[in-house]
């Protein structure tokens, strides 16, 4: 691989860096109105997404996905069905 001439390399590198900075600035300016709306909204401080909220054991038992695969993974640590049944828990090393 041939070494590039310094007179060509550094100006090209400066242009690439400036172009990248300008593109990031454009992206920031594009999303700035949305950022301002979110920061100004008082209800955004107390908002909690349902997916991030903690679930109870009863809710986990009701989930269809867990019920469907409960039999397929009977010896997985923490799988439903182990609560109150220490003889089913896998032995830890």
PDB file of N, CA and C in Angstrom:
ATOM      1  N   UNK A   1       0.841  -1.170   0.000  1.00  0.00           N
ATOM      2  CA  UNK A   1       0.000   0.000   0.000  1.00  0.00           C
ATOM      3  C   UNK A   1       0.895   1.245   0.000  1.00  0.00           C
ATOM      4  N   UNK A   2       0.593   2.123  -0.866  1.00  0.00           N
ATOM      5  CA  UNK A   2       1.418   3.300  -1.074  1.00  0.00           C
ATOM      6  C   UNK A   2       1.098   4.370  -0.022  1.00  0.00           C
ATOM      7  N   UNK A   3       2.123   5.076   0.476  1.00  0.00           N
ATOM      8  CA  UNK A   3       1.944   6.148   1.447  1.00  0.00           C
ATOM      9  C   UNK A   3       1.451   7.387   0.705  1.00  0.00           C
ATOM     10  N   UNK A   4       0.392   7.963   1.256  1.00  0.00           N
ATOM     11  CA  UNK A   4      -0.212   9.129   0.624  1.00  0.00           C
ATOM     12  C   UNK A   4       0.603  10.383   0.922  1.00  0.00           C
ATOM     13  N   UNK A   5       0.663  11.280  -0.024  1.00  0.00           N
ATOM     14  CA  UNK A   5       1.387  12.534   0.112  1.00  0.00           C
ATOM     15  C   UNK A   5       0.735  13.383   1.211  1.00  0.00           C
ATOM     16  N   UNK A   6       1.550  13.983   2.087  1.00  0.00           N
ATOM     17  CA  UNK A   6       1.038  14.785   3.190  1.00  0.00           C
ATOM     18  C   UNK A   6       0.263  16.010   2.715  1.00  0.00           C
ATOM     19  N   UNK A   7       0.658  16.563   1.592  1.00  0.00           N
ATOM     20  CA  UNK A   7      -0.016  17.746   1.046  1.00  0.00           C
ATOM     21  C   UNK A   7      -1.439  17.394   0.606  1.00  0.00           C
ATOM     22  N   UNK A   8      -1.668  16.146   0.277  1.00  0.00           N
ATOM     23  CA  UNK A   8      -3.004  15.699  -0.122  1.00  0.00           C
ATOM     24  C   UNK A   8      -3.768  15.166   1.091  1.00  0.00           C
ATOM     25  N   UNK A   9      -3.067  14.464   1.964  1.00  0.00           N
ATOM     26  CA  UNK A   9      -3.732  13.781   3.082  1.00  0.00           C
ATOM     27  C   UNK A   9      -4.367  14.753   4.070  1.00  0.00           C
ATOM     28  N   UNK A  10      -3.597  15.696   4.586  1.00  0.00           N
ATOM     29  CA  UNK A  10      -4.095  16.563   5.650  1.00  0.00           C
ATOM     30  C   UNK A  10      -5.243  17.474   5.210  1.00  0.00           C
ATOM     31  N   UNK A  11      -5.189  18.116   4.043  1.00  0.00           N
ATOM     32  CA  UNK A  11      -6.369  18.892   3.627  1.00  0.00           C
ATOM     33  C   UNK A  11      -7.614  18.013   3.453  1.00  0.00           C
ATOM     34  N   UNK A  12      -7.425  16.818   2.907  1.00  0.00           N
ATOM     35  CA  UNK A  12      -8.566  15.920   2.739  1.00  0.00           C
ATOM     36  C   UNK A  12      -9.132  15.518   4.102  1.00  0.00           C
ATOM     37  N   UNK A  13      -8.259  15.261   5.058  1.00  0.00           N
ATOM     38  CA  UNK A  13      -8.692  14.861   6.396  1.00  0.00           C
ATOM     39  C   UNK A  13      -9.430  15.995   7.094  1.00  0.00           C
ATOM     40  N   UNK A  14      -8.970  17.232   6.901  1.00  0.00           N
ATOM     41  CA  UNK A  14      -9.647  18.395   7.480  1.00  0.00           C
ATOM     42  C   UNK A  14     -11.046  18.541   6.895  1.00  0.00           C
ATOM     43  N   UNK A  15     -11.158  18.379   5.586  1.00  0.00           N
ATOM     44  CA  UNK A  15     -12.465  18.483   4.931  1.00  0.00           C
ATOM     45  C   UNK A  15     -13.397  17.369   5.432  1.00  0.00           C
ATOM     46  N   UNK A  16     -12.883  16.157   5.585  1.00  0.00           N
ATOM     47  CA  UNK A  16     -13.706  15.064   6.093  1.00  0.00           C
ATOM     48  C   UNK A  16     -14.193  15.356   7.509  1.00  0.00           C
ATOM     49  N   UNK A  17     -13.322  15.876   8.354  1.00  0.00           N
ATOM     50  CA  UNK A  17     -13.697  16.189   9.736  1.00  0.00           C
ATOM     51  C   UNK A  17     -14.738  17.302   9.788  1.00  0.00           C
ATOM     52  N   UNK A  18     -14.538  18.351   9.001  1.00  0.00           N
ATOM     53  CA  UNK A  18     -15.511  19.443   8.969  1.00  0.00           C
ATOM     54  C   UNK A  18     -16.857  18.981   8.438  1.00  0.00           C
ATOM     55  N   UNK A  19     -16.825  18.151   7.410  1.00  0.00           N
ATOM     56  CA  UNK A  19     -18.073  17.618   6.848  1.00  0.00           C
ATOM     57  C   UNK A  19     -18.815  16.795   7.890  1.00  0.00           C
ATOM     58  N   UNK A  20     -18.090  15.990   8.617  1.00  0.00           N
ATOM     59  CA  UNK A  20     -18.706  15.175   9.658  1.00  0.00           C
ATOM     60  C   UNK A  20     -19.316  16.054  10.749  1.00  0.00           C
ATOM     61  N   UNK A  21     -18.605  17.093  11.151  1.00  0.00           N
ATOM     62  CA  UNK A  21     -19.127  18.014  12.165  1.00  0.00           C
ATOM     63  C   UNK A  21     -20.377  18.728  11.705  1.00  0.00           C
ATOM     64  N   UNK A  22     -20.390  19.149  10.447  1.00  0.00           N
ATOM     65  CA  UNK A  22     -21.566  19.830   9.898  1.00  0.00           C
ATOM     66  C   UNK A  22     -22.762  18.885   9.861  1.00  0.00           C
ATOM     67  N   UNK A  23     -22.538  17.635   9.499  1.00  0.00           N
ATOM     68  CA  UNK A  23     -23.642  16.671   9.452  1.00  0.00           C
ATOM     69  C   UNK A  23     -24.210  16.398  10.847  1.00  0.00           C
ATOM     70  N   UNK A  24     -23.323  16.300  11.866  1.00  0.00           N
ATOM     71  CA  UNK A  24     -23.808  16.125  13.240  1.00  0.00           C
ATOM     72  C   UNK A  24     -24.600  17.346  13.698  1.00  0.00           C
ATOM     73  N   UNK A  25     -24.145  18.534  13.342  1.00  0.00           N
ATOM     74  CA  UNK A  25     -24.860  19.761  13.704  1.00  0.00           C
ATOM     75  C   UNK A  25     -26.233  19.803  13.043  1.00  0.00           C
ATOM     76  N   UNK A  26     -26.324  19.385  11.787  1.00  0.00           N
ATOM     77  CA  UNK A  26     -27.609  19.339  11.098  1.00  0.00           C
ATOM     78  C   UNK A  26     -28.558  18.349  11.777  1.00  0.00           C
ATOM     79  N   UNK A  27     -28.020  17.218  12.189  1.00  0.00           N
ATOM     80  CA  UNK A  27     -28.841  16.226  12.871  1.00  0.00           C
ATOM     81  C   UNK A  27     -29.344  16.774  14.205  1.00  0.00           C
ATOM     82  N   UNK A  28     -28.482  17.458  14.947  1.00  0.00           N
ATOM     83  CA  UNK A  28     -28.889  18.064  16.206  1.00  0.00           C
ATOM     84  C   UNK A  28     -29.989  19.091  15.973  1.00  0.00           C
ATOM     85  N   UNK A  29     -29.806  19.946  14.971  1.00  0.00           N
ATOM     86  CA  UNK A  29     -30.806  20.969  14.694  1.00  0.00           C
ATOM     87  C   UNK A  29     -32.125  20.359  14.230  1.00  0.00           C
ATOM     88  N   UNK A  30     -32.072  19.226  13.590  1.00  0.00           N
ATOM     89  CA  UNK A  30     -33.290  18.545  13.142  1.00  0.00           C
ATOM     90  C   UNK A  30     -34.114  18.063  14.343  1.00  0.00           C
ATOM     91  N   UNK A  31     -33.444  17.535  15.364  1.00  0.00           N
ATOM     92  CA  UNK A  31     -34.153  16.969  16.504  1.00  0.00           C
ATOM     93  C   UNK A  31     -34.283  17.933  17.679  1.00  0.00           C
ATOM     94  N   UNK A  32     -33.738  19.121  17.568  1.00  0.00           N
ATOM     95  CA  UNK A  32     -33.801  20.090  18.654  1.00  0.00           C
ATOM     96  C   UNK A  32     -35.228  20.481  19.019  1.00  0.00           C
ATOM     97  N   UNK A  33     -36.136  20.706  18.075  1.00  0.00           N
ATOM     98  CA  UNK A  33     -37.517  21.034  18.468  1.00  0.00           C
ATOM     99  C   UNK A  33     -38.173  19.928  19.307  1.00  0.00           C
ATOM    100  N   UNK A  34     -37.922  18.691  18.965  1.00  0.00           N
ATOM    101  CA  UNK A  34     -38.492  17.591  19.750  1.00  0.00           C
ATOM    102  C   UNK A  34     -37.888  17.579  21.152  1.00  0.00           C
ATOM    103  N   UNK A  35     -36.599  17.834  21.260  1.00  0.00           N
ATOM    104  CA  UNK A  35     -35.937  17.887  22.558  1.00  0.00           C
ATOM    105  C   UNK A  35     -36.533  18.998  23.424  1.00  0.00           C
ATOM    106  N   UNK A  36     -36.780  20.141  22.825  1.00  0.00           N
ATOM    107  CA  UNK A  36     -37.383  21.254  23.569  1.00  0.00           C
ATOM    108  C   UNK A  36     -38.785  20.896  24.050  1.00  0.00           C
ATOM    109  N   UNK A  37     -39.570  20.218  23.199  1.00  0.00           N
ATOM    110  CA  UNK A  37     -40.925  19.827  23.600  1.00  0.00           C
ATOM    111  C   UNK A  37     -40.896  18.860  24.771  1.00  0.00           C
ATOM    112  N   UNK A  38     -39.981  17.909  24.734  1.00  0.00           N
ATOM    113  CA  UNK A  38     -39.884  16.925  25.820  1.00  0.00           C
ATOM    114  C   UNK A  38     -39.438  17.588  27.113  1.00  0.00           C
ATOM    115  N   UNK A  39     -38.463  18.479  27.037  1.00  0.00           N
ATOM    116  CA  UNK A  39     -37.986  19.155  28.241  1.00  0.00           C
ATOM    117  C   UNK A  39     -39.036  20.089  28.826  1.00  0.00           C
ATOM    118  N   UNK A  40     -39.864  20.696  27.987  1.00  0.00           N
ATOM    119  CA  UNK A  40     -40.888  21.626  28.453  1.00  0.00           C
ATOM    120  C   UNK A  40     -42.107  20.910  29.027  1.00  0.00           C
ATOM    121  N   UNK A  41     -42.334  19.666  28.656  1.00  0.00           N
ATOM    122  CA  UNK A  41     -43.507  18.927  29.108  1.00  0.00           C
ATOM    123  C   UNK A  41     -43.322  18.485  30.562  1.00  0.00           C
ATOM    124  N   UNK A  42     -44.210  18.956  31.447  1.00  0.00           N
ATOM    125  CA  UNK A  42     -44.103  18.620  32.868  1.00  0.00           C
ATOM    126  C   UNK A  42     -44.394  17.142  33.136  1.00  0.00           C
ATOM    127  N   UNK A  43     -45.247  16.545  32.341  1.00  0.00           N
ATOM    128  CA  UNK A  43     -45.606  15.140  32.586  1.00  0.00           C
ATOM    129  C   UNK A  43     -44.482  14.184  32.185  1.00  0.00           C
ATOM    130  N   UNK A  44     -43.477  14.670  31.452  1.00  0.00           N
ATOM    131  CA  UNK A  44     -42.388  13.789  31.047  1.00  0.00           C
ATOM    132  C   UNK A  44     -41.499  13.401  32.224  1.00  0.00           C
ATOM    133  N   UNK A  45     -41.513  14.177  33.290  1.00  0.00           N
ATOM    134  CA  UNK A  45     -40.689  13.868  34.452  1.00  0.00           C
ATOM    135  C   UNK A  45     -41.217  12.667  35.234  1.00  0.00           C
ATOM    136  N   UNK A  46     -42.509  12.459  35.210  1.00  0.00           N
ATOM    137  CA  UNK A  46     -43.097  11.356  35.985  1.00  0.00           C
ATOM    138  C   UNK A  46     -43.496  10.180  35.094  1.00  0.00           C
ATOM    139  N   UNK A  47     -43.273  10.290  33.796  1.00  0.00           N
ATOM    140  CA  UNK A  47     -43.663   9.224  32.874  1.00  0.00           C
ATOM    141  C   UNK A  47     -42.796   7.990  33.076  1.00  0.00           C
ATOM    142  N   UNK A  48     -43.450   6.853  33.136  1.00  0.00           N
ATOM    143  CA  UNK A  48     -42.738   5.579  33.222  1.00  0.00           C
ATOM    144  C   UNK A  48     -43.336   4.643  32.188  1.00  0.00           C
ATOM    145  N   UNK A  49     -42.512   4.148  31.313  1.00  0.00           N
ATOM    146  CA  UNK A  49     -42.978   3.243  30.275  1.00  0.00           C
ATOM    147  C   UNK A  49     -43.442   1.936  30.903  1.00  0.00           C
ATOM    148  N   UNK A  50     -44.505   1.378  30.373  1.00  0.00           N
ATOM    149  CA  UNK A  50     -45.050   0.132  30.908  1.00  0.00           C
ATOM    150  C   UNK A  50     -44.030  -0.996  30.855  1.00  0.00           C
ATOM    151  N   UNK A  51     -43.197  -1.015  29.832  1.00  0.00           N
ATOM    152  CA  UNK A  51     -42.203  -2.077  29.698  1.00  0.00           C
ATOM    153  C   UNK A  51     -41.125  -1.994  30.776  1.00  0.00           C
ATOM    154  N   UNK A  52     -40.924  -0.830  31.356  1.00  0.00           N
ATOM    155  CA  UNK A  52     -39.904  -0.666  32.380  1.00  0.00           C
ATOM    156  C   UNK A  52     -40.445  -0.784  33.797  1.00  0.00           C
ATOM    157  N   UNK A  53     -41.760  -0.896  33.915  1.00  0.00           N
ATOM    158  CA  UNK A  53     -42.345  -0.983  35.249  1.00  0.00           C
ATOM    159  C   UNK A  53     -42.177  -2.394  35.808  1.00  0.00           C
ATOM    160  N   UNK A  54     -41.956  -2.504  37.125  1.00  0.00           N
ATOM    161  CA  UNK A  54     -41.789  -3.829  37.722  1.00  0.00           C
ATOM    162  C   UNK A  54     -43.090  -4.613  37.679  1.00  0.00           C
ATOM    163  N   UNK A  55     -42.972  -5.899  37.530  1.00  0.00           N
ATOM    164  CA  UNK A  55     -44.170  -6.747  37.489  1.00  0.00           C
ATOM    165  C   UNK A  55     -44.195  -7.645  38.717  1.00  0.00           C
ATOM    166  N   UNK A  56     -45.383  -8.020  39.094  1.00  0.00           N
ATOM    167  CA  UNK A  56     -45.551  -8.891  40.254  1.00  0.00           C
ATOM    168  C   UNK A  56     -45.473 -10.344  39.809  1.00  0.00           C
ATOM    169  N   UNK A  57     -45.359 -11.236  40.771  1.00  0.00           N
ATOM    170  CA  UNK A  57     -45.330 -12.664  40.450  1.00  0.00           C
ATOM    171  C   UNK A  57     -46.626 -13.105  39.796  1.00  0.00           C
ATOM    172  N   UNK A  58     -47.756 -12.536  40.240  1.00  0.00           N
ATOM    173  CA  UNK A  58     -49.059 -12.902  39.657  1.00  0.00           C
ATOM    174  C   UNK A  58     -49.121 -12.500  38.187  1.00  0.00           C
ATOM    175  N   UNK A  59     -48.593 -11.307  37.860  1.00  0.00           N
ATOM    176  CA  UNK A  59     -48.587 -10.868  36.462  1.00  0.00           C
ATOM    177  C   UNK A  59     -47.697 -11.763  35.609  1.00  0.00           C
ATOM    178  N   UNK A  60     -46.567 -12.185  36.162  1.00  0.00           N
ATOM    179  CA  UNK A  60     -45.675 -13.051  35.395  1.00  0.00           C
ATOM    180  C   UNK A  60     -46.313 -14.413  35.157  1.00  0.00           C
ATOM    181  N   UNK A  61     -47.065 -14.910  36.117  1.00  0.00           N
ATOM    182  CA  UNK A  61     -47.733 -16.197  35.931  1.00  0.00           C
ATOM    183  C   UNK A  61     -48.815 -16.132  34.861  1.00  0.00           C
ATOM    184  N   UNK A  62     -49.377 -14.937  34.667  1.00  0.00           N
ATOM    185  CA  UNK A  62     -50.443 -14.783  33.684  1.00  0.00           C
ATOM    186  C   UNK A  62     -49.928 -14.608  32.259  1.00  0.00           C
ATOM    187  N   UNK A  63     -48.666 -14.320  32.087  1.00  0.00           N
ATOM    188  CA  UNK A  63     -48.133 -14.063  30.750  1.00  0.00           C
ATOM    189  C   UNK A  63     -48.209 -15.316  29.886  1.00  0.00           C
ATOM    190  N   UNK A  64     -48.758 -15.153  28.709  1.00  0.00           N
ATOM    191  CA  UNK A  64     -48.945 -16.286  27.805  1.00  0.00           C
ATOM    192  C   UNK A  64     -47.619 -16.899  27.369  1.00  0.00           C
ATOM    193  N   UNK A  65     -46.633 -16.062  27.094  1.00  0.00           N
ATOM    194  CA  UNK A  65     -45.345 -16.559  26.610  1.00  0.00           C
ATOM    195  C   UNK A  65     -44.680 -17.450  27.653  1.00  0.00           C
ATOM    196  N   UNK A  66     -44.730 -17.021  28.899  1.00  0.00           N
ATOM    197  CA  UNK A  66     -44.125 -17.827  29.956  1.00  0.00           C
ATOM    198  C   UNK A  66     -44.891 -19.130  30.122  1.00  0.00           C
ATOM    199  N   UNK A  67     -46.199 -19.056  30.083  1.00  0.00           N
ATOM    200  CA  UNK A  67     -47.003 -20.274  30.240  1.00  0.00           C
ATOM    201  C   UNK A  67     -46.743 -21.246  29.101  1.00  0.00           C
ATOM    202  N   UNK A  68     -46.540 -20.719  27.891  1.00  0.00           N
ATOM    203  CA  UNK A  68     -46.330 -21.574  26.738  1.00  0.00           C
ATOM    204  C   UNK A  68     -45.005 -22.342  26.837  1.00  0.00           C
ATOM    205  N   UNK A  69     -43.955 -21.691  27.323  1.00  0.00           N
ATOM    206  CA  UNK A  69     -42.637 -22.323  27.373  1.00  0.00           C
ATOM    207  C   UNK A  69     -42.262 -22.859  28.752  1.00  0.00           C
ATOM    208  N   UNK A  70     -43.181 -22.824  29.676  1.00  0.00           N
ATOM    209  CA  UNK A  70     -42.911 -23.294  31.025  1.00  0.00           C
ATOM    210  C   UNK A  70     -42.504 -24.765  31.039  1.00  0.00           C
ATOM    211  N   UNK A  71     -43.156 -25.574  30.224  1.00  0.00           N
ATOM    212  CA  UNK A  71     -42.862 -27.001  30.172  1.00  0.00           C
ATOM    213  C   UNK A  71     -41.584 -27.262  29.371  1.00  0.00           C
ATOM    214  N   UNK A  72     -41.304 -26.433  28.381  1.00  0.00           N
ATOM    215  CA  UNK A  72     -40.140 -26.648  27.527  1.00  0.00           C
ATOM    216  C   UNK A  72     -38.824 -26.369  28.254  1.00  0.00           C
ATOM    217  N   UNK A  73     -38.863 -25.528  29.269  1.00  0.00           N
ATOM    218  CA  UNK A  73     -37.639 -25.206  30.002  1.00  0.00           C
ATOM    219  C   UNK A  73     -37.857 -25.428  31.507  1.00  0.00           C
ATOM    220  N   UNK A  74     -38.136 -26.636  31.904  1.00  0.00           N
ATOM    221  CA  UNK A  74     -38.507 -26.871  33.298  1.00  0.00           C
ATOM    222  C   UNK A  74     -37.365 -26.704  34.289  1.00  0.00           C
ATOM    223  N   UNK A  75     -36.118 -26.833  33.882  1.00  0.00           N
ATOM    224  CA  UNK A  75     -35.004 -26.773  34.835  1.00  0.00           C
ATOM    225  C   UNK A  75     -34.166 -25.495  34.678  1.00  0.00           C
ATOM    226  N   UNK A  76     -34.728 -24.476  34.099  1.00  0.00           N
ATOM    227  CA  UNK A  76     -34.011 -23.211  33.974  1.00  0.00           C
ATOM    228  C   UNK A  76     -34.120 -22.453  35.280  1.00  0.00           C
ATOM    229  N   UNK A  77     -33.015 -21.920  35.742  1.00  0.00           N
ATOM    230  CA  UNK A  77     -33.005 -21.179  36.994  1.00  0.00           C
ATOM    231  C   UNK A  77     -33.922 -19.977  36.892  1.00  0.00           C
ATOM    232  N   UNK A  78     -34.863 -19.864  37.802  1.00  0.00           N
ATOM    233  CA  UNK A  78     -35.771 -18.726  37.833  1.00  0.00           C
ATOM    234  C   UNK A  78     -37.007 -18.899  36.989  1.00  0.00           C
ATOM    235  N   UNK A  79     -37.175 -20.038  36.329  1.00  0.00           N
ATOM    236  CA  UNK A  79     -38.371 -20.246  35.519  1.00  0.00           C
ATOM    237  C   UNK A  79     -39.578 -20.413  36.430  1.00  0.00           C
ATOM    238  N   UNK A  80     -40.761 -20.019  35.976  1.00  0.00           N
ATOM    239  CA  UNK A  80     -41.960 -20.205  36.788  1.00  0.00           C
ATOM    240  C   UNK A  80     -42.130 -21.675  37.162  1.00  0.00           C
ATOM    241  N   UNK A  81     -42.612 -21.912  38.337  1.00  0.00           N
ATOM    242  CA  UNK A  81     -42.798 -23.274  38.799  1.00  0.00           C
ATOM    243  C   UNK A  81     -41.783 -23.643  39.854  1.00  0.00           C
ATOM    244  N   UNK A  82     -40.732 -22.849  40.037  1.00  0.00           N
ATOM    245  CA  UNK A  82     -39.719 -23.140  41.045  1.00  0.00           C
ATOM    246  C   UNK A  82     -40.059 -22.530  42.395  1.00  0.00           C
ATOM    247  N   UNK A  83     -40.974 -21.568  42.414  1.00  0.00           N
ATOM    248  CA  UNK A  83     -41.297 -20.887  43.659  1.00  0.00           C
ATOM    249  C   UNK A  83     -41.910 -21.891  44.627  1.00  0.00           C
ATOM    250  N   UNK A  84     -41.289 -22.030  45.763  1.00  0.00           N
ATOM    251  CA  UNK A  84     -41.803 -22.939  46.782  1.00  0.00           C
ATOM    252  C   UNK A  84     -41.444 -24.391  46.540  1.00  0.00           C
ATOM    253  N   UNK A  85     -40.662 -24.697  45.529  1.00  0.00           N
ATOM    254  CA  UNK A  85     -40.273 -26.076  45.217  1.00  0.00           C
ATOM    255  C   UNK A  85     -38.758 -26.154  45.119  1.00  0.00           C
ATOM    256  N   UNK A  86     -38.055 -26.164  46.252  1.00  0.00           N
ATOM    257  CA  UNK A  86     -36.590 -26.156  46.206  1.00  0.00           C
ATOM    258  C   UNK A  86     -36.019 -27.418  45.560  1.00  0.00           C
ATOM    259  N   UNK A  87     -36.765 -28.504  45.539  1.00  0.00           N
ATOM    260  CA  UNK A  87     -36.235 -29.723  44.937  1.00  0.00           C
ATOM    261  C   UNK A  87     -36.133 -29.616  43.406  1.00  0.00           C
ATOM    262  N   UNK A  88     -36.845 -28.654  42.828  1.00  0.00           N
ATOM    263  CA  UNK A  88     -36.782 -28.454  41.372  1.00  0.00           C
ATOM    264  C   UNK A  88     -35.703 -27.450  40.967  1.00  0.00           C
ATOM    265  N   UNK A  89     -35.184 -26.707  41.906  1.00  0.00           N
ATOM    266  CA  UNK A  89     -34.159 -25.718  41.570  1.00  0.00           C
ATOM    267  C   UNK A  89     -32.883 -26.415  41.130  1.00  0.00           C
ATOM    268  N   UNK A  90     -32.219 -25.889  40.094  1.00  0.00           N
ATOM    269  CA  UNK A  90     -30.945 -26.487  39.683  1.00  0.00           C
ATOM    270  C   UNK A  90     -29.872 -26.231  40.743  1.00  0.00           C
ATOM    271  N   UNK A  91     -29.006 -27.183  40.896  1.00  0.00           N
ATOM    272  CA  UNK A  91     -27.921 -27.040  41.861  1.00  0.00           C
ATOM    273  C   UNK A  91     -26.891 -26.059  41.335  1.00  0.00           C
ATOM    274  N   UNK A  92     -26.507 -25.122  42.153  1.00  0.00           N
ATOM    275  CA  UNK A  92     -25.493 -24.163  41.749  1.00  0.00           C
ATOM    276  C   UNK A  92     -24.127 -24.696  42.162  1.00  0.00           C
ATOM    277  N   UNK A  93     -23.100 -24.478  41.344  1.00  0.00           N
ATOM    278  CA  UNK A  93     -21.769 -24.994  41.693  1.00  0.00           C
ATOM    279  C   UNK A  93     -21.178 -24.318  42.901  1.00  0.00           C
TER     280      UNK A  93
END
